């Protein structure tokens, strides 16, 4: 019997395992469906390019056919390894805008306003620039400036200035908008995943047990209270461990709602359709699914400066020989920016850009010949909402993901994507790129009219890996709410969800750092320490 069972050793689960096991009298079991994070490409930042097709550390999800995107099945990679997606992502450290969190509170997530969130961001953060009013300097999560900067990334920032956009030296400072270098979740040139930052330093604790290759199939209940978790190891056995205090789901926006439904918590009619007994009828489970949709502009580079043709072996050799320096220390998406377009509805930036000094098509899975560079652009505040549902009562079957991109009735999300594409082209057309600019591969020189831009977006837009919202946090009286502001699942006792699925609405940026903040505050909520 454990005090707490945490399902999922990802961005949130590792944080909780660390914080809850600080009490030596508290017994914690952490279950992870994937393997240990032993692979060298996980820890070398540039190794993320080699992790794209490595299914052993990836859940390898895809959406159902997306009606507004030419019926395509969009690939949704999610980390299936210690550290979760923080072990395979591009490491950009972004919190979003302060108003994002005030908005959460206004939507019924009482206590999650910016003034309450900031102290937990600071507690988590170990920024190499040191502590300040907005930053932490000695937290577990390493946050660093780029060690290696590709010359094309410098050119991009010059072009952004030529296009009239402000410069920024801190996207997490007093002002979010502007273009500059991304700080990354790295320390001393190596990836600082949640597993490296939070779990590795405390694995020796006798009151903490970590089980890898452990796939949870359901939560057990007794008289409406969560009592334990049933799981298998490497596909074998049906083990059941008990929790005297709480079971905490940290599987993310896909796995947490799936496990809730497999355990009898979700839309009652849908559960009965699959022969699952209803423990709590919560129609919001699996709903409110939304994500940042991304569109890429690709150009050839006339000079051999990009990362396209670098030898993987040479990069790794140089990285380890030079003490974690050189191109191997790059997160590839070194520079980017935030801006407030003409479509922005308030003072917050509504678009984000990631510049990659390489040709990136189909998540990097389609290797293009030659050299080039890519500018990612996404709208930060999508109105479209999708849903996740079960295809069977088996945990082995992947759920059905209907992202419903560009489905908002007013067509606003599509307008934002078209505008983001136009701005991308405008930046890449600046004089700074003149010595390097080759042909435009995507969308292509012939794609100029709005109808053609829309067709290109429907044919090529992809996820930028920020799904949230499927266990929405809010006022318990709201029928669509899944967890209350203390992250407790409605209708049952002893069960919480702590991960990106609880976000009522997407933050304006990458979601990894906000997920760790949620876990930091959740640890205090569980221990009765949070304001």
Protein backbone atom coordinates (compact mmCIF):
# COMPACT_ATOMS: atom_id res chain seq x y z
CA UNK A 1 0.00 0.00 0.00
CA UNK A 2 1.32 3.39 -1.07
CA UNK A 3 0.18 6.82 0.04
CA UNK A 4 0.15 8.12 -3.53
CA UNK A 5 0.22 6.42 -6.92
CA UNK A 6 1.23 8.69 -9.79
CA UNK A 7 0.36 7.45 -13.28
CA UNK A 8 2.75 8.92 -15.85
CA UNK A 9 6.36 10.01 -15.30
CA UNK A 10 6.19 12.91 -17.71
CA UNK A 11 6.51 16.65 -17.29
CA UNK A 12 4.09 16.73 -14.36
CA UNK A 13 4.55 13.26 -12.87
CA UNK A 14 8.26 13.62 -12.19
CA UNK A 15 7.66 16.95 -10.44
CA UNK A 16 5.01 15.40 -8.20
CA UNK A 17 7.15 12.36 -7.43
CA UNK A 18 9.94 14.64 -6.26
CA UNK A 19 7.80 16.95 -4.15
CA UNK A 20 5.54 14.34 -2.54
CA UNK A 21 8.43 12.05 -1.62
CA UNK A 22 10.18 14.89 0.23
CA UNK A 23 8.26 13.61 3.26
CA UNK A 24 10.14 10.42 4.26
CA UNK A 25 6.97 9.02 5.81
CA UNK A 26 5.06 9.34 2.53
CA UNK A 27 5.27 6.35 0.19
CA UNK A 28 5.05 7.17 -3.52
CA UNK A 29 4.71 4.85 -6.53
CA UNK A 30 5.43 6.33 -9.96
CA UNK A 31 4.28 4.33 -12.99
CA UNK A 32 5.60 5.04 -16.49
CA UNK A 33 4.42 3.20 -19.60
CA UNK A 34 7.67 3.87 -21.45
CA UNK A 35 11.32 2.98 -20.79
CA UNK A 36 14.05 4.75 -18.90
CA UNK A 37 15.54 7.86 -20.52
CA UNK A 38 18.89 6.18 -21.20
CA UNK A 39 19.22 7.04 -24.89
CA UNK A 40 22.06 9.54 -25.60
CA UNK A 41 19.97 11.41 -28.19
CA UNK A 42 17.53 12.38 -25.42
CA UNK A 43 20.24 14.23 -23.53
CA UNK A 44 22.07 15.85 -26.46
CA UNK A 45 19.69 18.71 -27.41
CA UNK A 46 20.18 18.36 -31.18
CA UNK A 47 19.36 14.66 -30.80
CA UNK A 48 15.68 15.62 -30.89
CA UNK A 49 15.90 15.38 -34.68
CA UNK A 50 16.79 11.68 -34.35
CA UNK A 51 14.00 11.03 -31.85
CA UNK A 52 11.28 11.94 -34.36
CA UNK A 53 11.01 8.44 -35.76
CA UNK A 54 12.04 6.53 -32.63
CA UNK A 55 8.81 4.80 -31.66
CA UNK A 56 10.31 3.29 -28.51
CA UNK A 57 10.06 6.66 -26.76
CA UNK A 58 6.94 7.95 -28.52
CA UNK A 59 3.23 7.11 -28.22
CA UNK A 60 3.03 7.76 -31.97
CA UNK A 61 -0.54 9.06 -32.00
CA UNK A 62 -2.43 10.32 -35.03
CA UNK A 63 -5.71 12.17 -35.28
CA UNK A 64 -8.78 10.89 -37.02
CA UNK A 65 -9.25 12.37 -40.53
CA UNK A 66 -9.43 16.15 -40.13
CA UNK A 67 -12.28 17.55 -42.28
CA UNK A 68 -10.81 21.06 -42.56
CA UNK A 69 -7.34 19.76 -43.45
CA UNK A 70 -8.17 17.73 -46.55
CA UNK A 71 -9.12 14.71 -44.46
CA UNK A 72 -5.52 14.15 -43.36
CA UNK A 73 -4.50 12.20 -40.27
CA UNK A 74 -2.16 14.50 -38.38
CA UNK A 75 0.72 13.00 -36.44
CA UNK A 76 0.77 13.75 -32.71
CA UNK A 77 4.05 12.60 -31.15
CA UNK A 78 3.95 12.39 -27.34
CA UNK A 79 6.75 11.24 -25.06
CA UNK A 80 6.54 7.63 -23.87
CA UNK A 81 9.66 7.59 -21.68
CA UNK A 82 10.79 8.93 -18.31
CA UNK A 83 10.32 12.68 -18.67
CA UNK A 84 7.45 12.28 -21.12
CA UNK A 85 7.34 14.93 -23.81
CA UNK A 86 9.95 16.98 -21.96
CA UNK A 87 12.41 14.26 -23.06
CA UNK A 88 11.64 14.59 -26.78
CA UNK A 89 10.53 18.22 -27.28
CA UNK A 90 12.45 21.21 -28.66
CA UNK A 91 13.05 22.56 -25.13
CA UNK A 92 11.75 26.12 -25.67
CA UNK A 93 11.12 27.61 -22.22
CA UNK A 94 7.95 29.69 -22.53
CA UNK A 95 5.34 30.48 -19.90
CA UNK A 96 2.74 32.36 -21.94
CA UNK A 97 1.23 35.71 -21.09
CA UNK A 98 0.29 36.72 -17.54
CA UNK A 99 -3.27 37.38 -18.67
CA UNK A 100 -3.59 33.73 -19.77
CA UNK A 101 -3.63 32.66 -16.13
CA UNK A 102 -5.92 35.46 -15.02
CA UNK A 103 -8.23 34.20 -17.75
CA UNK A 104 -8.13 30.70 -16.25
CA UNK A 105 -9.24 32.11 -12.91
CA UNK A 106 -12.02 34.12 -14.56
CA UNK A 107 -13.25 30.91 -16.23
CA UNK A 108 -13.74 29.24 -12.85
CA UNK A 109 -10.22 27.96 -12.07
CA UNK A 110 -10.07 29.93 -8.85
CA UNK A 111 -6.57 30.37 -7.47
CA UNK A 112 -4.71 29.94 -10.77
CA UNK A 113 -4.30 33.63 -11.60
CA UNK A 114 -0.85 34.92 -12.55
CA UNK A 115 -0.02 36.19 -9.07
CA UNK A 116 -0.41 32.62 -7.77
CA UNK A 117 1.26 30.93 -10.75
CA UNK A 118 4.42 33.06 -10.81
CA UNK A 119 5.88 31.82 -7.49
CA UNK A 120 5.69 28.24 -8.78
CA UNK A 121 7.35 29.14 -12.06
CA UNK A 122 10.13 30.74 -10.03
CA UNK A 123 10.41 27.76 -7.68
CA UNK A 124 10.80 25.41 -10.64
CA UNK A 125 13.27 27.53 -12.61
CA UNK A 126 17.05 27.42 -12.39
CA UNK A 127 17.84 30.17 -14.88
CA UNK A 128 21.53 30.61 -15.67
CA UNK A 129 20.95 34.40 -15.73
CA UNK A 130 20.15 34.24 -12.03
CA UNK A 131 17.14 35.09 -9.91
CA UNK A 132 14.97 38.16 -10.43
CA UNK A 133 11.45 39.35 -9.77
CA UNK A 134 10.20 37.17 -12.64
CA UNK A 135 12.74 34.34 -12.65
CA UNK A 136 14.12 31.69 -10.35
CA UNK A 137 17.85 31.05 -10.21
CA UNK A 138 18.20 27.86 -8.18
CA UNK A 139 15.21 25.68 -9.11
CA UNK A 140 15.55 22.09 -10.39
CA UNK A 141 14.70 22.90 -14.01
CA UNK A 142 17.71 24.17 -15.94
CA UNK A 143 16.98 27.17 -18.17
CA UNK A 144 19.76 28.47 -20.39
CA UNK A 145 20.64 30.76 -23.28
CA UNK A 146 21.77 29.03 -26.50
CA UNK A 147 25.33 27.69 -26.37
CA UNK A 148 25.48 27.37 -30.14
CA UNK A 149 23.89 29.83 -32.57
CA UNK A 150 23.59 29.05 -36.24
CA UNK A 151 24.45 32.04 -38.47
CA UNK A 152 21.07 31.73 -40.20
CA UNK A 153 19.31 32.26 -36.86
CA UNK A 154 21.18 35.56 -36.54
CA UNK A 155 20.06 36.47 -40.07
CA UNK A 156 16.46 35.69 -39.14
CA UNK A 157 16.53 38.06 -36.17
CA UNK A 158 18.01 40.80 -38.34
CA UNK A 159 15.24 40.22 -40.89
CA UNK A 160 12.58 40.46 -38.18
CA UNK A 161 13.96 43.86 -37.19
CA UNK A 162 14.01 44.97 -40.83
CA UNK A 163 10.34 43.96 -41.05
CA UNK A 164 9.59 46.36 -38.20
CA UNK A 165 9.25 43.92 -35.33
CA UNK A 166 10.63 44.67 -31.89
CA UNK A 167 13.57 42.80 -30.41
CA UNK A 168 13.25 40.83 -27.16
CA UNK A 169 15.87 39.44 -24.82
CA UNK A 170 13.32 37.60 -22.65
CA UNK A 171 10.03 36.14 -23.85
CA UNK A 172 9.19 35.46 -20.19
CA UNK A 173 9.92 39.01 -19.07
CA UNK A 174 7.68 41.96 -18.49
CA UNK A 175 6.72 42.00 -22.18
CA UNK A 176 6.19 38.88 -24.27
CA UNK A 177 6.15 40.34 -27.78
CA UNK A 178 9.26 40.71 -29.88
CA UNK A 179 11.83 38.52 -31.65
CA UNK A 180 14.92 37.01 -30.09
CA UNK A 181 16.67 33.87 -28.87
CA UNK A 182 14.72 31.17 -27.08
CA UNK A 183 15.92 30.18 -23.67
CA UNK A 184 15.76 26.41 -23.40
CA UNK A 185 15.25 23.78 -20.73
CA UNK A 186 18.91 22.83 -20.74
CA UNK A 187 21.70 22.84 -18.18
CA UNK A 188 25.41 22.76 -19.01
CA UNK A 189 24.60 22.00 -22.64
CA UNK A 190 22.36 18.99 -21.91
CA UNK A 191 18.57 18.60 -21.95
CA UNK A 192 16.93 19.33 -18.60
CA UNK A 193 13.83 17.17 -18.87
CA UNK A 194 11.54 16.68 -15.88
CA UNK A 195 13.19 13.27 -15.42
CA UNK A 196 16.68 14.76 -15.29
CA UNK A 197 15.68 17.82 -13.28
CA UNK A 198 13.24 16.33 -10.77
CA UNK A 199 13.43 12.54 -10.78
CA UNK A 200 17.10 11.61 -11.20
CA UNK A 201 18.25 13.50 -8.08
CA UNK A 202 15.75 11.66 -5.83
CA UNK A 203 15.63 8.13 -7.32
CA UNK A 204 17.59 6.92 -4.28
CA UNK A 205 14.81 7.79 -1.83
CA UNK A 206 13.60 4.60 -0.13
CA UNK A 207 10.03 5.90 -0.07
CA UNK A 208 9.90 6.40 -3.86
CA UNK A 209 9.43 3.49 -6.27
CA UNK A 210 9.59 4.00 -10.05
CA UNK A 211 8.31 1.29 -12.40
CA UNK A 212 8.96 1.68 -16.14
CA UNK A 213 7.16 -0.19 -18.94
CA UNK A 214 4.11 -0.06 -16.63
CA UNK A 215 0.93 0.56 -18.63
CA UNK A 216 -2.08 1.44 -16.48
CA UNK A 217 -5.38 -0.04 -17.57
CA UNK A 218 -7.78 1.35 -14.96
CA UNK A 219 -8.20 3.01 -11.59
CA UNK A 220 -10.00 0.93 -8.96
CA UNK A 221 -12.76 2.32 -6.74
CA UNK A 222 -14.51 1.39 -3.54
CA UNK A 223 -17.73 3.23 -2.69
CA UNK A 224 -16.80 6.18 -4.89
CA UNK A 225 -13.23 6.50 -3.71
CA UNK A 226 -10.13 5.74 -5.81
CA UNK A 227 -8.23 2.92 -4.11
CA UNK A 228 -5.53 1.89 -6.55
CA UNK A 229 -4.32 1.25 -10.09
CA UNK A 230 -4.29 -1.87 -12.25
CA UNK A 231 -1.34 -2.08 -14.65
CA UNK A 232 0.79 -4.47 -16.68
CA UNK A 233 4.57 -4.49 -17.14
CA UNK A 234 5.89 -5.01 -20.67
CA UNK A 235 2.45 -6.28 -21.61
CA UNK A 236 2.43 -9.01 -19.00
CA UNK A 237 0.48 -9.48 -15.79
CA UNK A 238 -2.33 -7.53 -14.19
CA UNK A 239 -0.80 -5.97 -11.11
CA UNK A 240 -2.86 -3.93 -8.69
CA UNK A 241 -1.32 -1.52 -6.22
CA UNK A 242 -3.29 0.34 -3.57
CA UNK A 243 -3.20 4.02 -2.62
CA UNK A 244 -4.27 5.04 0.88
CA UNK A 245 -4.45 8.75 0.09
CA UNK A 246 -4.76 9.50 -3.63
CA UNK A 247 -4.29 8.31 -7.19
CA UNK A 248 -2.93 11.09 -9.41
CA UNK A 249 -3.16 10.92 -13.19
CA UNK A 250 -0.32 12.66 -15.05
CA UNK A 251 -0.66 11.08 -18.49
CA UNK A 252 -1.26 14.27 -20.46
CA UNK A 253 -4.08 15.49 -22.68
CA UNK A 254 -4.54 12.10 -24.37
CA UNK A 255 -3.74 9.43 -21.81
CA UNK A 256 -5.39 10.96 -18.74
CA UNK A 257 -8.90 11.28 -20.21
CA UNK A 258 -8.53 7.85 -21.78
CA UNK A 259 -7.69 6.29 -18.41
CA UNK A 260 -10.55 8.14 -16.73
CA UNK A 261 -13.01 6.73 -19.25
CA UNK A 262 -11.56 3.21 -19.02
CA UNK A 263 -12.09 3.53 -15.25
CA UNK A 264 -15.76 4.52 -15.58
CA UNK A 265 -15.46 8.31 -15.44
CA UNK A 266 -16.72 10.20 -18.46
CA UNK A 267 -19.81 10.64 -20.65
CA UNK A 268 -22.14 7.89 -19.39
CA UNK A 269 -23.65 6.95 -22.75
CA UNK A 270 -20.21 6.67 -24.34
CA UNK A 271 -18.94 4.45 -21.52
CA UNK A 272 -21.95 2.16 -21.71
CA UNK A 273 -21.46 1.87 -25.47
CA UNK A 274 -18.17 0.13 -24.69
CA UNK A 275 -19.51 -1.96 -21.81
CA UNK A 276 -17.81 0.11 -19.12
CA UNK A 277 -19.64 0.56 -15.81
CA UNK A 278 -20.26 4.20 -14.92
CA UNK A 279 -18.56 5.43 -11.74
CA UNK A 280 -19.18 9.13 -12.45
CA UNK A 281 -21.04 10.68 -15.38
CA UNK A 282 -18.74 13.52 -16.45
CA UNK A 283 -19.56 14.67 -20.01
CA UNK A 284 -16.53 16.98 -20.08
CA UNK A 285 -13.98 14.15 -20.07
CA UNK A 286 -12.31 14.14 -23.49
CA UNK A 287 -13.96 17.40 -24.56
CA UNK A 288 -12.47 20.89 -24.92
CA UNK A 289 -9.55 19.44 -26.89
CA UNK A 290 -7.50 22.11 -28.62
CA UNK A 291 -4.00 22.62 -29.91
CA UNK A 292 -1.77 25.12 -31.69
CA UNK A 293 -1.93 24.50 -35.45
CA UNK A 294 1.31 25.35 -37.26
CA UNK A 295 2.21 26.29 -40.82
CA UNK A 296 5.75 26.24 -42.24
CA UNK A 297 7.39 28.41 -44.88
CA UNK A 298 10.48 26.72 -46.38
CA UNK A 299 13.22 28.26 -48.53
CA UNK A 300 16.34 26.86 -50.06
CA UNK A 301 19.63 28.28 -48.78
CA UNK A 302 22.30 29.11 -51.35
CA UNK A 303 25.07 28.65 -48.81
CA UNK A 304 25.91 25.53 -46.83
CA UNK A 305 25.12 27.00 -43.42
CA UNK A 306 22.06 25.00 -42.41
CA UNK A 307 21.91 21.91 -40.23
CA UNK A 308 20.57 19.77 -43.08
CA UNK A 309 23.73 17.98 -44.10
CA UNK A 310 25.51 17.66 -40.75
CA UNK A 311 26.74 14.17 -39.93
CA UNK A 312 24.98 12.78 -36.86
CA UNK A 313 28.12 10.96 -35.78
CA UNK A 314 30.31 14.04 -36.23
CA UNK A 315 27.88 16.24 -34.29
CA UNK A 316 27.71 13.75 -31.41
CA UNK A 317 31.49 13.27 -31.37
CA UNK A 318 32.12 17.01 -31.32
CA UNK A 319 29.42 17.54 -28.67
CA UNK A 320 30.94 15.11 -26.20
CA UNK A 321 34.55 15.95 -27.08
CA UNK A 322 34.00 19.68 -26.58
CA UNK A 323 32.15 19.37 -23.27
CA UNK A 324 28.56 19.57 -24.58
CA UNK A 325 29.20 22.35 -27.06
CA UNK A 326 28.93 22.82 -30.80
CA UNK A 327 25.83 22.10 -32.94
CA UNK A 328 24.91 19.17 -30.70
CA UNK A 329 24.03 21.64 -27.94
CA UNK A 330 21.47 23.41 -30.15
CA UNK A 331 17.74 22.83 -29.75
CA UNK A 332 17.52 23.54 -33.51
CA UNK A 333 14.66 26.05 -33.00
CA UNK A 334 17.12 28.60 -31.62
CA UNK A 335 15.29 31.85 -32.42
CA UNK A 336 11.72 33.00 -32.80
CA UNK A 337 9.24 35.56 -31.69
CA UNK A 338 5.79 36.65 -30.63
CA UNK A 339 3.74 39.39 -32.23
CA UNK A 340 0.35 41.01 -32.03
CA UNK A 341 -1.20 40.91 -35.49
CA UNK A 342 -4.03 42.99 -36.87
CA UNK A 343 -6.37 40.15 -35.83
CA UNK A 344 -5.39 40.20 -32.15
CA UNK A 345 -8.37 40.65 -29.84
CA UNK A 346 -6.54 42.15 -26.85
CA UNK A 347 -3.08 43.26 -25.77
CA UNK A 348 -1.60 39.76 -25.91
CA UNK A 349 0.48 38.50 -28.85
CA UNK A 350 -1.65 36.19 -30.98
CA UNK A 351 1.09 34.58 -33.07
CA UNK A 352 4.31 32.70 -32.34
CA UNK A 353 7.22 31.91 -34.65
CA UNK A 354 10.00 29.33 -34.46
CA UNK A 355 12.91 29.64 -36.91
CA UNK A 356 14.76 26.44 -37.84
CA UNK A 357 18.03 26.65 -39.83
CA UNK A 358 17.14 23.44 -41.67
CA UNK A 359 14.45 22.17 -44.01
CA UNK A 360 11.66 20.75 -41.89
CA UNK A 361 8.86 19.00 -43.71
CA UNK A 362 6.33 16.64 -42.12
CA UNK A 363 7.89 17.02 -38.65
CA UNK A 364 11.32 16.30 -40.13
CA UNK A 365 10.25 12.84 -41.30
CA UNK A 366 10.52 13.85 -44.98
CA UNK A 367 14.20 14.58 -45.60
CA UNK A 368 14.65 17.09 -48.42
CA UNK A 369 17.82 17.38 -50.51
CA UNK A 370 20.14 20.36 -50.24
CA UNK A 371 20.17 23.13 -47.65
CA UNK A 372 17.46 25.45 -46.45
CA UNK A 373 15.60 27.04 -43.57
CA UNK A 374 12.09 26.89 -42.14
CA UNK A 375 9.87 29.40 -40.38
CA UNK A 376 7.09 27.93 -38.24
CA UNK A 377 4.06 30.12 -37.48
CA UNK A 378 1.03 29.38 -35.32
CA UNK A 379 -1.98 31.19 -33.97
CA UNK A 380 -1.90 31.22 -30.17
CA UNK A 381 -5.61 31.45 -29.29
CA UNK A 382 -7.59 28.97 -31.38
CA UNK A 383 -11.36 28.95 -31.07
CA UNK A 384 -11.83 25.46 -32.53
CA UNK A 385 -12.51 22.61 -30.13
CA UNK A 386 -12.30 18.87 -30.64
CA UNK A 387 -12.86 15.71 -28.66
CA UNK A 388 -11.11 12.53 -27.61
CA UNK A 389 -13.08 9.29 -27.25
CA UNK A 390 -12.57 5.57 -26.74
CA UNK A 391 -12.58 3.06 -29.57
CA UNK A 392 -12.89 0.12 -27.17
CA UNK A 393 -12.70 -0.83 -23.50
CA UNK A 394 -9.05 -1.92 -23.92
CA UNK A 395 -6.19 0.26 -22.75
CA UNK A 396 -4.12 -1.23 -25.58
CA UNK A 397 -6.24 0.52 -28.21
CA UNK A 398 -5.34 4.12 -28.95
CA UNK A 399 -8.22 6.56 -28.43
CA UNK A 400 -9.88 8.42 -31.28
CA UNK A 401 -8.51 11.96 -31.53
CA UNK A 402 -10.74 14.46 -33.31
CA UNK A 403 -8.78 17.70 -33.09
CA UNK A 404 -11.32 19.57 -35.26
CA UNK A 405 -8.76 22.11 -36.40
CA UNK A 406 -10.18 25.19 -38.17
CA UNK A 407 -13.72 24.16 -37.24
CA UNK A 408 -14.81 27.36 -35.51
CA UNK A 409 -18.01 28.57 -37.21
CA UNK A 410 -16.72 32.09 -37.90
CA UNK A 411 -13.59 30.86 -39.67
CA UNK A 412 -11.42 33.00 -37.41
CA UNK A 413 -8.73 30.36 -36.88
CA UNK A 414 -8.22 30.06 -40.64
CA UNK A 415 -7.90 33.84 -40.99
CA UNK A 416 -5.17 33.80 -38.35
CA UNK A 417 -3.29 31.04 -40.16
CA UNK A 418 -3.41 32.94 -43.47
CA UNK A 419 -2.14 36.09 -41.77
CA UNK A 420 0.65 34.15 -40.02
CA UNK A 421 1.74 32.76 -43.39
CA UNK A 422 1.82 36.22 -44.92
CA UNK A 423 3.88 37.59 -42.06
CA UNK A 424 6.31 34.66 -42.36
CA UNK A 425 6.86 35.44 -46.03
CA UNK A 426 7.31 39.12 -45.26
CA UNK A 427 10.09 38.40 -42.75
CA UNK A 428 11.89 35.97 -45.05
CA UNK A 429 11.72 38.53 -47.90
CA UNK A 430 13.80 41.11 -45.99
CA UNK A 431 17.24 42.20 -47.24
CA UNK A 432 19.04 40.27 -44.49
CA UNK A 433 18.22 37.01 -46.27
CA UNK A 434 19.29 38.21 -49.75
CA UNK A 435 22.74 36.52 -49.70
CA UNK A 436 21.20 33.20 -48.63
CA UNK A 437 17.77 33.07 -50.25
CA UNK A 438 17.06 30.36 -52.78
CA UNK A 439 13.70 29.26 -54.15
CA UNK A 440 10.67 29.06 -51.90
CA UNK A 441 9.78 25.39 -51.53
CA UNK A 442 6.60 25.91 -49.50
CA UNK A 443 4.11 27.41 -50.18
CA UNK A 444 5.93 28.03 -53.52
CA UNK A 445 6.20 31.12 -55.69
CA UNK A 446 2.93 30.41 -57.55
CA UNK A 447 0.89 30.37 -54.34
CA UNK A 448 -0.14 34.01 -53.94
CA UNK A 449 -3.92 34.40 -53.97
CA UNK A 450 -5.80 33.92 -50.69
CA UNK A 451 -7.66 30.90 -51.99
CA UNK A 452 -4.32 29.27 -52.84
CA UNK A 453 -2.90 30.12 -49.41
CA UNK A 454 -5.95 28.54 -47.78
CA UNK A 455 -5.53 25.43 -49.92
CA UNK A 456 -1.86 25.22 -48.92
CA UNK A 457 -2.75 25.49 -45.22
CA UNK A 458 -5.34 22.74 -45.56
CA UNK A 459 -2.74 20.56 -47.32
CA UNK A 460 0.29 21.20 -45.10
CA UNK A 461 -0.59 22.57 -41.63
CA UNK A 462 0.47 20.36 -38.71
CA UNK A 463 0.37 20.24 -34.92
CA UNK A 464 3.14 22.00 -33.04
CA UNK A 465 2.57 19.58 -30.15
CA UNK A 466 0.51 21.54 -27.62
CA UNK A 467 -2.75 19.58 -27.02
CA UNK A 468 -4.59 20.58 -23.83
CA UNK A 469 -7.97 20.83 -22.18
CA UNK A 470 -9.46 17.30 -22.14
CA UNK A 471 -9.89 17.22 -18.33
CA UNK A 472 -10.82 20.86 -18.01
CA UNK A 473 -10.37 22.61 -14.67
CA UNK A 474 -13.07 25.01 -13.50
CA UNK A 475 -16.11 25.63 -11.36
CA UNK A 476 -17.47 22.25 -10.20
CA UNK A 477 -21.00 23.51 -10.92
CA UNK A 478 -20.17 23.77 -14.62
CA UNK A 479 -21.28 20.60 -16.42
CA UNK A 480 -18.17 20.66 -18.64
CA UNK A 481 -15.73 20.80 -15.75
CA UNK A 482 -13.78 17.61 -15.02
CA UNK A 483 -11.57 18.72 -12.11
CA UNK A 484 -12.13 21.44 -9.54
CA UNK A 485 -9.53 24.17 -8.92
CA UNK A 486 -7.74 21.78 -6.53
CA UNK A 487 -7.50 19.36 -9.51
CA UNK A 488 -9.79 16.82 -7.81
CA UNK A 489 -11.95 14.80 -10.19
CA UNK A 490 -15.63 15.61 -9.74
CA UNK A 491 -17.95 12.95 -8.42
CA UNK A 492 -15.33 10.76 -6.76
CA UNK A 493 -12.83 11.00 -3.92
CA UNK A 494 -9.10 10.35 -3.82
CA UNK A 495 -8.44 11.06 -7.51
CA UNK A 496 -6.76 14.03 -9.18
CA UNK A 497 -5.50 14.94 -12.64
CA UNK A 498 -2.31 16.97 -12.86
CA UNK A 499 -1.08 17.71 -16.38
CA UNK A 500 -1.83 19.84 -19.48
CA UNK A 501 -5.27 18.26 -19.82
CA UNK A 502 -6.57 20.44 -16.96
CA UNK A 503 -5.83 23.72 -18.76
CA UNK A 504 -9.18 25.39 -19.46
CA UNK A 505 -7.61 27.28 -22.36
CA UNK A 506 -4.27 27.18 -24.14
CA UNK A 507 -1.58 29.52 -22.94
CA UNK A 508 0.05 31.82 -25.46
CA UNK A 509 3.11 29.70 -26.15
CA UNK A 510 4.75 26.34 -25.54
CA UNK A 511 3.06 24.24 -22.86
CA UNK A 512 5.91 22.35 -21.17
CA UNK A 513 6.91 24.94 -18.57
CA UNK A 514 3.26 25.70 -17.66
CA UNK A 515 2.66 21.97 -17.13
CA UNK A 516 5.55 21.79 -14.66
CA UNK A 517 4.19 24.88 -12.90
CA UNK A 518 0.80 23.16 -12.58
CA UNK A 519 2.53 20.18 -10.95
CA UNK A 520 4.52 22.38 -8.57
CA UNK A 521 1.35 24.06 -7.35
CA UNK A 522 -0.56 20.77 -7.30
CA UNK A 523 2.05 19.35 -4.93
CA UNK A 524 1.32 22.15 -2.50
CA UNK A 525 -2.43 21.73 -2.95
CA UNK A 526 -2.11 18.04 -2.11
CA UNK A 527 0.02 18.80 0.94
CA UNK A 528 -2.27 21.63 2.07
CA UNK A 529 0.41 24.28 1.53
CA UNK A 530 -0.98 26.30 -1.39
CA UNK A 531 -2.64 29.67 -0.96
